[in-house]
């Protein structure tokens, strides 16, 4: 599926029914496929309320770390990469 940019302060219902709430200035991409649900957070903070799906893990990647949902809700922060 195509990536979706997260922009501005909002509550977003993802295509699987999970909810992402993110602060202003948060940037990331959402990419779901048949094997995995993935969010790549490049900057900011987002809270995820994940809809369980044992066949498709929900993974958030930020600052070189991979966070795999084991519960149903969690928050992740990413610093802006400065080169």
PDB file of N, CA and C in Angstrom:
ATOM      1  N   UNK A   1       0.846  -1.192   0.000  1.00  0.00           N
ATOM      2  CA  UNK A   1       0.000   0.000   0.000  1.00  0.00           C
ATOM      3  C   UNK A   1       0.882   1.243   0.000  1.00  0.00           C
ATOM      4  N   UNK A   2       0.384   2.365  -0.490  1.00  0.00           N
ATOM      5  CA  UNK A   2       1.197   3.580  -0.544  1.00  0.00           C
ATOM      6  C   UNK A   2       1.446   4.149   0.843  1.00  0.00           C
ATOM      7  N   UNK A   3       2.587   4.824   1.004  1.00  0.00           N
ATOM      8  CA  UNK A   3       2.921   5.477   2.269  1.00  0.00           C
ATOM      9  C   UNK A   3       2.030   6.701   2.448  1.00  0.00           C
ATOM     10  N   UNK A   4       1.749   7.049   3.699  1.00  0.00           N
ATOM     11  CA  UNK A   4       0.937   8.209   4.035  1.00  0.00           C
ATOM     12  C   UNK A   4       1.755   9.080   4.975  1.00  0.00           C
ATOM     13  N   UNK A   5       1.903  10.352   4.669  1.00  0.00           N
ATOM     14  CA  UNK A   5       2.671  11.250   5.520  1.00  0.00           C
ATOM     15  C   UNK A   5       1.816  11.699   6.699  1.00  0.00           C
ATOM     16  N   UNK A   6       2.418  11.695   7.893  1.00  0.00           N
ATOM     17  CA  UNK A   6       1.756  12.214   9.086  1.00  0.00           C
ATOM     18  C   UNK A   6       2.118  13.690   9.200  1.00  0.00           C
ATOM     19  N   UNK A   7       1.143  14.570   9.239  1.00  0.00           N
ATOM     20  CA  UNK A   7       1.429  15.995   9.320  1.00  0.00           C
ATOM     21  C   UNK A   7       0.477  16.648  10.325  1.00  0.00           C
ATOM     22  N   UNK A   8       1.033  17.579  11.108  1.00  0.00           N
ATOM     23  CA  UNK A   8       0.220  18.393  11.997  1.00  0.00           C
ATOM     24  C   UNK A   8      -0.383  17.626  13.159  1.00  0.00           C
ATOM     25  N   UNK A   9      -0.991  18.349  14.098  1.00  0.00           N
ATOM     26  CA  UNK A   9      -1.603  17.690  15.258  1.00  0.00           C
ATOM     27  C   UNK A   9      -2.934  17.053  14.859  1.00  0.00           C
ATOM     28  N   UNK A  10      -3.001  15.753  14.958  1.00  0.00           N
ATOM     29  CA  UNK A  10      -4.255  15.109  14.594  1.00  0.00           C
ATOM     30  C   UNK A  10      -4.333  13.692  15.121  1.00  0.00           C
ATOM     31  N   UNK A  11      -5.518  13.171  15.035  1.00  0.00           N
ATOM     32  CA  UNK A  11      -5.804  11.775  15.372  1.00  0.00           C
ATOM     33  C   UNK A  11      -6.120  11.103  14.048  1.00  0.00           C
ATOM     34  N   UNK A  12      -5.377  10.059  13.733  1.00  0.00           N
ATOM     35  CA  UNK A  12      -5.538   9.396  12.441  1.00  0.00           C
ATOM     36  C   UNK A  12      -5.918   7.935  12.669  1.00  0.00           C
ATOM     37  N   UNK A  13      -7.000   7.500  12.042  1.00  0.00           N
ATOM     38  CA  UNK A  13      -7.367   6.088  12.068  1.00  0.00           C
ATOM     39  C   UNK A  13      -6.694   5.437  10.872  1.00  0.00           C
ATOM     40  N   UNK A  14      -5.827   4.465  11.159  1.00  0.00           N
ATOM     41  CA  UNK A  14      -5.086   3.778  10.107  1.00  0.00           C
ATOM     42  C   UNK A  14      -5.965   2.741   9.436  1.00  0.00           C
ATOM     43  N   UNK A  15      -5.539   2.235   8.287  1.00  0.00           N
ATOM     44  CA  UNK A  15      -6.389   1.354   7.488  1.00  0.00           C
ATOM     45  C   UNK A  15      -6.767   0.060   8.187  1.00  0.00           C
ATOM     46  N   UNK A  16      -6.029  -0.353   9.239  1.00  0.00           N
ATOM     47  CA  UNK A  16      -6.377  -1.573   9.971  1.00  0.00           C
ATOM     48  C   UNK A  16      -7.253  -1.292  11.177  1.00  0.00           C
ATOM     49  N   UNK A  17      -7.604  -0.017  11.414  1.00  0.00           N
ATOM     50  CA  UNK A  17      -8.420   0.358  12.557  1.00  0.00           C
ATOM     51  C   UNK A  17      -7.602   0.819  13.749  1.00  0.00           C
ATOM     52  N   UNK A  18      -6.277   0.683  13.701  1.00  0.00           N
ATOM     53  CA  UNK A  18      -5.419   1.229  14.752  1.00  0.00           C
ATOM     54  C   UNK A  18      -5.503   2.746  14.703  1.00  0.00           C
ATOM     55  N   UNK A  19      -5.174   3.407  15.823  1.00  0.00           N
ATOM     56  CA  UNK A  19      -5.246   4.862  15.891  1.00  0.00           C
ATOM     57  C   UNK A  19      -3.863   5.425  16.211  1.00  0.00           C
ATOM     58  N   UNK A  20      -3.460   6.442  15.462  1.00  0.00           N
ATOM     59  CA  UNK A  20      -2.215   7.163  15.721  1.00  0.00           C
ATOM     60  C   UNK A  20      -2.574   8.597  16.081  1.00  0.00           C
ATOM     61  N   UNK A  21      -2.127   9.055  17.241  1.00  0.00           N
ATOM     62  CA  UNK A  21      -2.293  10.448  17.645  1.00  0.00           C
ATOM     63  C   UNK A  21      -0.904  11.050  17.696  1.00  0.00           C
ATOM     64  N   UNK A  22      -0.688  12.149  16.968  1.00  0.00           N
ATOM     65  CA  UNK A  22       0.647  12.714  16.905  1.00  0.00           C
ATOM     66  C   UNK A  22       0.634  14.211  17.101  1.00  0.00           C
ATOM     67  N   UNK A  23       1.751  14.708  17.633  1.00  0.00           N
ATOM     68  CA  UNK A  23       1.902  16.120  17.928  1.00  0.00           C
ATOM     69  C   UNK A  23       2.272  16.896  16.676  1.00  0.00           C
ATOM     70  N   UNK A  24       2.074  18.201  16.730  1.00  0.00           N
ATOM     71  CA  UNK A  24       2.449  19.073  15.622  1.00  0.00           C
ATOM     72  C   UNK A  24       3.930  18.905  15.315  1.00  0.00           C
ATOM     73  N   UNK A  25       4.268  18.864  14.046  1.00  0.00           N
ATOM     74  CA  UNK A  25       5.656  18.721  13.630  1.00  0.00           C
ATOM     75  C   UNK A  25       6.127  17.293  13.485  1.00  0.00           C
ATOM     76  N   UNK A  26       5.282  16.328  13.826  1.00  0.00           N
ATOM     77  CA  UNK A  26       5.649  14.923  13.689  1.00  0.00           C
ATOM     78  C   UNK A  26       5.663  14.550  12.213  1.00  0.00           C
ATOM     79  N   UNK A  27       6.668  13.790  11.834  1.00  0.00           N
ATOM     80  CA  UNK A  27       6.778  13.341  10.447  1.00  0.00           C
ATOM     81  C   UNK A  27       7.020  11.847  10.421  1.00  0.00           C
ATOM     82  N   UNK A  28       6.358  11.174   9.511  1.00  0.00           N
ATOM     83  CA  UNK A  28       6.550   9.736   9.380  1.00  0.00           C
ATOM     84  C   UNK A  28       5.805   9.186   8.188  1.00  0.00           C
ATOM     85  N   UNK A  29       6.013   7.929   7.938  1.00  0.00           N
ATOM     86  CA  UNK A  29       5.337   7.234   6.851  1.00  0.00           C
ATOM     87  C   UNK A  29       4.680   5.970   7.398  1.00  0.00           C
ATOM     88  N   UNK A  30       3.510   5.672   6.883  1.00  0.00           N
ATOM     89  CA  UNK A  30       2.776   4.470   7.255  1.00  0.00           C
ATOM     90  C   UNK A  30       2.764   3.562   6.034  1.00  0.00           C
ATOM     91  N   UNK A  31       3.206   2.322   6.212  1.00  0.00           N
ATOM     92  CA  UNK A  31       3.236   1.373   5.095  1.00  0.00           C
ATOM     93  C   UNK A  31       2.761   0.011   5.602  1.00  0.00           C
ATOM     94  N   UNK A  32       1.606  -0.404   5.152  1.00  0.00           N
ATOM     95  CA  UNK A  32       1.052  -1.701   5.533  1.00  0.00           C
ATOM     96  C   UNK A  32       1.124  -2.628   4.338  1.00  0.00           C
ATOM     97  N   UNK A  33       1.499  -3.873   4.580  1.00  0.00           N
ATOM     98  CA  UNK A  33       1.449  -4.892   3.532  1.00  0.00           C
ATOM     99  C   UNK A  33       0.869  -6.153   4.157  1.00  0.00           C
ATOM    100  N   UNK A  34       0.684  -7.213   3.399  1.00  0.00           N
ATOM    101  CA  UNK A  34       0.044  -8.415   3.954  1.00  0.00           C
ATOM    102  C   UNK A  34       0.811  -9.060   5.112  1.00  0.00           C
ATOM    103  N   UNK A  35       2.125  -8.799   5.235  1.00  0.00           N
ATOM    104  CA  UNK A  35       2.924  -9.449   6.268  1.00  0.00           C
ATOM    105  C   UNK A  35       3.196  -8.570   7.488  1.00  0.00           C
ATOM    106  N   UNK A  36       3.138  -7.238   7.336  1.00  0.00           N
ATOM    107  CA  UNK A  36       3.515  -6.352   8.431  1.00  0.00           C
ATOM    108  C   UNK A  36       2.838  -4.996   8.321  1.00  0.00           C
ATOM    109  N   UNK A  37       2.602  -4.394   9.493  1.00  0.00           N
ATOM    110  CA  UNK A  37       2.129  -3.018   9.573  1.00  0.00           C
ATOM    111  C   UNK A  37       3.300  -2.202  10.108  1.00  0.00           C
ATOM    112  N   UNK A  38       3.757  -1.207   9.341  1.00  0.00           N
ATOM    113  CA  UNK A  38       4.988  -0.508   9.690  1.00  0.00           C
ATOM    114  C   UNK A  38       4.769   1.006   9.652  1.00  0.00           C
ATOM    115  N   UNK A  39       5.302   1.690  10.682  1.00  0.00           N
ATOM    116  CA  UNK A  39       5.337   3.146  10.719  1.00  0.00           C
ATOM    117  C   UNK A  39       6.799   3.535  10.890  1.00  0.00           C
ATOM    118  N   UNK A  40       7.290   4.404  10.018  1.00  0.00           N
ATOM    119  CA  UNK A  40       8.655   4.912  10.136  1.00  0.00           C
ATOM    120  C   UNK A  40       8.536   6.366  10.570  1.00  0.00           C
ATOM    121  N   UNK A  41       8.890   6.618  11.832  1.00  0.00           N
ATOM    122  CA  UNK A  41       8.770   7.942  12.430  1.00  0.00           C
ATOM    123  C   UNK A  41      10.108   8.658  12.288  1.00  0.00           C
ATOM    124  N   UNK A  42      10.137   9.745  11.518  1.00  0.00           N
ATOM    125  CA  UNK A  42      11.391  10.460  11.299  1.00  0.00           C
ATOM    126  C   UNK A  42      11.576  11.642  12.237  1.00  0.00           C
ATOM    127  N   UNK A  43      10.481  12.151  12.812  1.00  0.00           N
ATOM    128  CA  UNK A  43      10.575  13.264  13.752  1.00  0.00           C
ATOM    129  C   UNK A  43       9.283  13.373  14.541  1.00  0.00           C
ATOM    130  N   UNK A  44       9.394  13.720  15.818  1.00  0.00           N
ATOM    131  CA  UNK A  44       8.222  14.004  16.629  1.00  0.00           C
ATOM    132  C   UNK A  44       7.808  12.858  17.530  1.00  0.00           C
ATOM    133  N   UNK A  45       6.590  12.966  18.031  1.00  0.00           N
ATOM    134  CA  UNK A  45       6.052  12.004  18.982  1.00  0.00           C
ATOM    135  C   UNK A  45       4.676  11.539  18.527  1.00  0.00           C
ATOM    136  N   UNK A  46       4.461  10.245  18.615  1.00  0.00           N
ATOM    137  CA  UNK A  46       3.152   9.684  18.251  1.00  0.00           C
ATOM    138  C   UNK A  46       2.770   8.622  19.267  1.00  0.00           C
ATOM    139  N   UNK A  47       1.490   8.557  19.553  1.00  0.00           N
ATOM    140  CA  UNK A  47       0.927   7.530  20.433  1.00  0.00           C
ATOM    141  C   UNK A  47       0.081   6.619  19.566  1.00  0.00           C
ATOM    142  N   UNK A  48       0.267   5.325  19.734  1.00  0.00           N
ATOM    143  CA  UNK A  48      -0.451   4.351  18.920  1.00  0.00           C
ATOM    144  C   UNK A  48      -1.350   3.490  19.797  1.00  0.00           C
ATOM    145  N   UNK A  49      -2.589   3.334  19.393  1.00  0.00           N
ATOM    146  CA  UNK A  49      -3.526   2.390  20.001  1.00  0.00           C
ATOM    147  C   UNK A  49      -3.747   1.329  18.925  1.00  0.00           C
ATOM    148  N   UNK A  50      -3.089   0.200  19.102  1.00  0.00           N
ATOM    149  CA  UNK A  50      -2.972  -0.796  18.046  1.00  0.00           C
ATOM    150  C   UNK A  50      -4.088  -1.825  18.095  1.00  0.00           C
ATOM    151  N   UNK A  51      -4.685  -2.062  16.954  1.00  0.00           N
ATOM    152  CA  UNK A  51      -5.679  -3.125  16.819  1.00  0.00           C
ATOM    153  C   UNK A  51      -4.924  -4.446  16.682  1.00  0.00           C
ATOM    154  N   UNK A  52      -5.200  -5.419  17.556  1.00  0.00           N
ATOM    155  CA  UNK A  52      -4.473  -6.693  17.497  1.00  0.00           C
ATOM    156  C   UNK A  52      -4.672  -7.429  16.174  1.00  0.00           C
ATOM    157  N   UNK A  53      -3.569  -7.987  15.670  1.00  0.00           N
ATOM    158  CA  UNK A  53      -3.592  -8.825  14.476  1.00  0.00           C
ATOM    159  C   UNK A  53      -2.369  -9.738  14.555  1.00  0.00           C
ATOM    160  N   UNK A  54      -2.535 -10.949  15.092  1.00  0.00           N
ATOM    161  CA  UNK A  54      -1.382 -11.837  15.300  1.00  0.00           C
ATOM    162  C   UNK A  54      -0.659 -12.229  14.015  1.00  0.00           C
ATOM    163  N   UNK A  55      -1.307 -12.082  12.870  1.00  0.00           N
ATOM    164  CA  UNK A  55      -0.674 -12.441  11.600  1.00  0.00           C
ATOM    165  C   UNK A  55       0.107 -11.293  10.970  1.00  0.00           C
ATOM    166  N   UNK A  56      -0.092 -10.059  11.480  1.00  0.00           N
ATOM    167  CA  UNK A  56       0.616  -8.896  10.932  1.00  0.00           C
ATOM    168  C   UNK A  56       1.134  -8.033  12.076  1.00  0.00           C
ATOM    169  N   UNK A  57       2.412  -8.177  12.431  1.00  0.00           N
ATOM    170  CA  UNK A  57       2.961  -7.367  13.520  1.00  0.00           C
ATOM    171  C   UNK A  57       2.854  -5.870  13.212  1.00  0.00           C
ATOM    172  N   UNK A  58       2.742  -5.067  14.269  1.00  0.00           N
ATOM    173  CA  UNK A  58       2.720  -3.611  14.158  1.00  0.00           C
ATOM    174  C   UNK A  58       4.063  -3.123  14.668  1.00  0.00           C
ATOM    175  N   UNK A  59       4.845  -2.492  13.785  1.00  0.00           N
ATOM    176  CA  UNK A  59       6.211  -2.087  14.103  1.00  0.00           C
ATOM    177  C   UNK A  59       6.375  -0.596  13.839  1.00  0.00           C
ATOM    178  N   UNK A  60       7.012   0.100  14.795  1.00  0.00           N
ATOM    179  CA  UNK A  60       7.363   1.504  14.601  1.00  0.00           C
ATOM    180  C   UNK A  60       8.884   1.594  14.624  1.00  0.00           C
ATOM    181  N   UNK A  61       9.442   2.267  13.617  1.00  0.00           N
ATOM    182  CA  UNK A  61      10.889   2.465  13.527  1.00  0.00           C
ATOM    183  C   UNK A  61      11.167   3.943  13.756  1.00  0.00           C
ATOM    184  N   UNK A  62      12.073   4.245  14.721  1.00  0.00           N
ATOM    185  CA  UNK A  62      12.437   5.621  15.040  1.00  0.00           C
ATOM    186  C   UNK A  62      13.852   5.652  15.595  1.00  0.00           C
ATOM    187  N   UNK A  63      14.649   6.592  15.129  1.00  0.00           N
ATOM    188  CA  UNK A  63      16.019   6.777  15.620  1.00  0.00           C
ATOM    189  C   UNK A  63      16.834   5.488  15.594  1.00  0.00           C
ATOM    190  N   UNK A  64      16.634   4.665  14.583  1.00  0.00           N
ATOM    191  CA  UNK A  64      17.394   3.429  14.471  1.00  0.00           C
ATOM    192  C   UNK A  64      16.880   2.293  15.340  1.00  0.00           C
ATOM    193  N   UNK A  65      15.815   2.523  16.076  1.00  0.00           N
ATOM    194  CA  UNK A  65      15.208   1.496  16.936  1.00  0.00           C
ATOM    195  C   UNK A  65      13.945   0.975  16.277  1.00  0.00           C
ATOM    196  N   UNK A  66      13.663  -0.291  16.510  1.00  0.00           N
ATOM    197  CA  UNK A  66      12.427  -0.910  16.026  1.00  0.00           C
ATOM    198  C   UNK A  66      11.606  -1.310  17.237  1.00  0.00           C
ATOM    199  N   UNK A  67      10.395  -0.769  17.324  1.00  0.00           N
ATOM    200  CA  UNK A  67       9.492  -1.073  18.429  1.00  0.00           C
ATOM    201  C   UNK A  67       8.359  -1.919  17.877  1.00  0.00           C
ATOM    202  N   UNK A  68       8.210  -3.108  18.432  1.00  0.00           N
ATOM    203  CA  UNK A  68       7.150  -4.018  17.996  1.00  0.00           C
ATOM    204  C   UNK A  68       6.076  -4.037  19.071  1.00  0.00           C
ATOM    205  N   UNK A  69       4.844  -3.792  18.669  1.00  0.00           N
ATOM    206  CA  UNK A  69       3.737  -3.759  19.635  1.00  0.00           C
ATOM    207  C   UNK A  69       3.545  -5.136  20.256  1.00  0.00           C
ATOM    208  N   UNK A  70       3.576  -5.169  21.587  1.00  0.00           N
ATOM    209  CA  UNK A  70       3.273  -6.407  22.296  1.00  0.00           C
ATOM    210  C   UNK A  70       2.009  -6.224  23.130  1.00  0.00           C
ATOM    211  N   UNK A  71       1.659  -4.983  23.414  1.00  0.00           N
ATOM    212  CA  UNK A  71       0.410  -4.658  24.093  1.00  0.00           C
ATOM    213  C   UNK A  71      -0.498  -4.002  23.082  1.00  0.00           C
ATOM    214  N   UNK A  72      -1.327  -3.102  23.546  1.00  0.00           N
ATOM    215  CA  UNK A  72      -2.241  -2.470  22.608  1.00  0.00           C
ATOM    216  C   UNK A  72      -2.004  -0.981  22.442  1.00  0.00           C
ATOM    217  N   UNK A  73      -1.238  -0.342  23.345  1.00  0.00           N
ATOM    218  CA  UNK A  73      -1.021   1.094  23.226  1.00  0.00           C
ATOM    219  C   UNK A  73       0.388   1.452  23.693  1.00  0.00           C
ATOM    220  N   UNK A  74       1.034   2.384  22.959  1.00  0.00           N
ATOM    221  CA  UNK A  74       2.361   2.843  23.337  1.00  0.00           C
ATOM    222  C   UNK A  74       2.674   4.140  22.601  1.00  0.00           C
ATOM    223  N   UNK A  75       3.690   4.856  23.088  1.00  0.00           N
ATOM    224  CA  UNK A  75       4.117   6.097  22.455  1.00  0.00           C
ATOM    225  C   UNK A  75       5.573   5.970  22.039  1.00  0.00           C
ATOM    226  N   UNK A  76       5.943   6.668  20.943  1.00  0.00           N
ATOM    227  CA  UNK A  76       7.304   6.657  20.417  1.00  0.00           C
ATOM    228  C   UNK A  76       7.675   8.082  20.043  1.00  0.00           C
ATOM    229  N   UNK A  77       8.928   8.465  20.347  1.00  0.00           N
ATOM    230  CA  UNK A  77       9.451   9.777  19.951  1.00  0.00           C
ATOM    231  C   UNK A  77      10.677   9.588  19.087  1.00  0.00           C
ATOM    232  N   UNK A  78      10.855  10.479  18.118  1.00  0.00           N
ATOM    233  CA  UNK A  78      12.036  10.447  17.252  1.00  0.00           C
ATOM    234  C   UNK A  78      12.610  11.861  17.179  1.00  0.00           C
ATOM    235  N   UNK A  79      13.921  11.929  17.256  1.00  0.00           N
ATOM    236  CA  UNK A  79      14.595  13.217  17.081  1.00  0.00           C
ATOM    237  C   UNK A  79      14.790  13.449  15.598  1.00  0.00           C
ATOM    238  N   UNK A  80      14.795  14.706  15.212  1.00  0.00           N
ATOM    239  CA  UNK A  80      15.045  15.033  13.808  1.00  0.00           C
ATOM    240  C   UNK A  80      16.499  14.727  13.494  1.00  0.00           C
ATOM    241  N   UNK A  81      16.736  14.032  12.381  1.00  0.00           N
ATOM    242  CA  UNK A  81      18.104  13.745  11.954  1.00  0.00           C
ATOM    243  C   UNK A  81      18.747  15.023  11.451  1.00  0.00           C
ATOM    244  N   UNK A  82      19.910  15.322  11.979  1.00  0.00           N
ATOM    245  CA  UNK A  82      20.635  16.524  11.549  1.00  0.00           C
ATOM    246  C   UNK A  82      21.960  16.111  10.990  1.00  0.00           C
ATOM    247  N   UNK A  83      22.149  16.310   9.705  1.00  0.00           N
ATOM    248  CA  UNK A  83      23.398  15.898   9.036  1.00  0.00           C
ATOM    249  C   UNK A  83      24.336  17.074   8.914  1.00  0.00           C
TER     250      UNK A  83
END
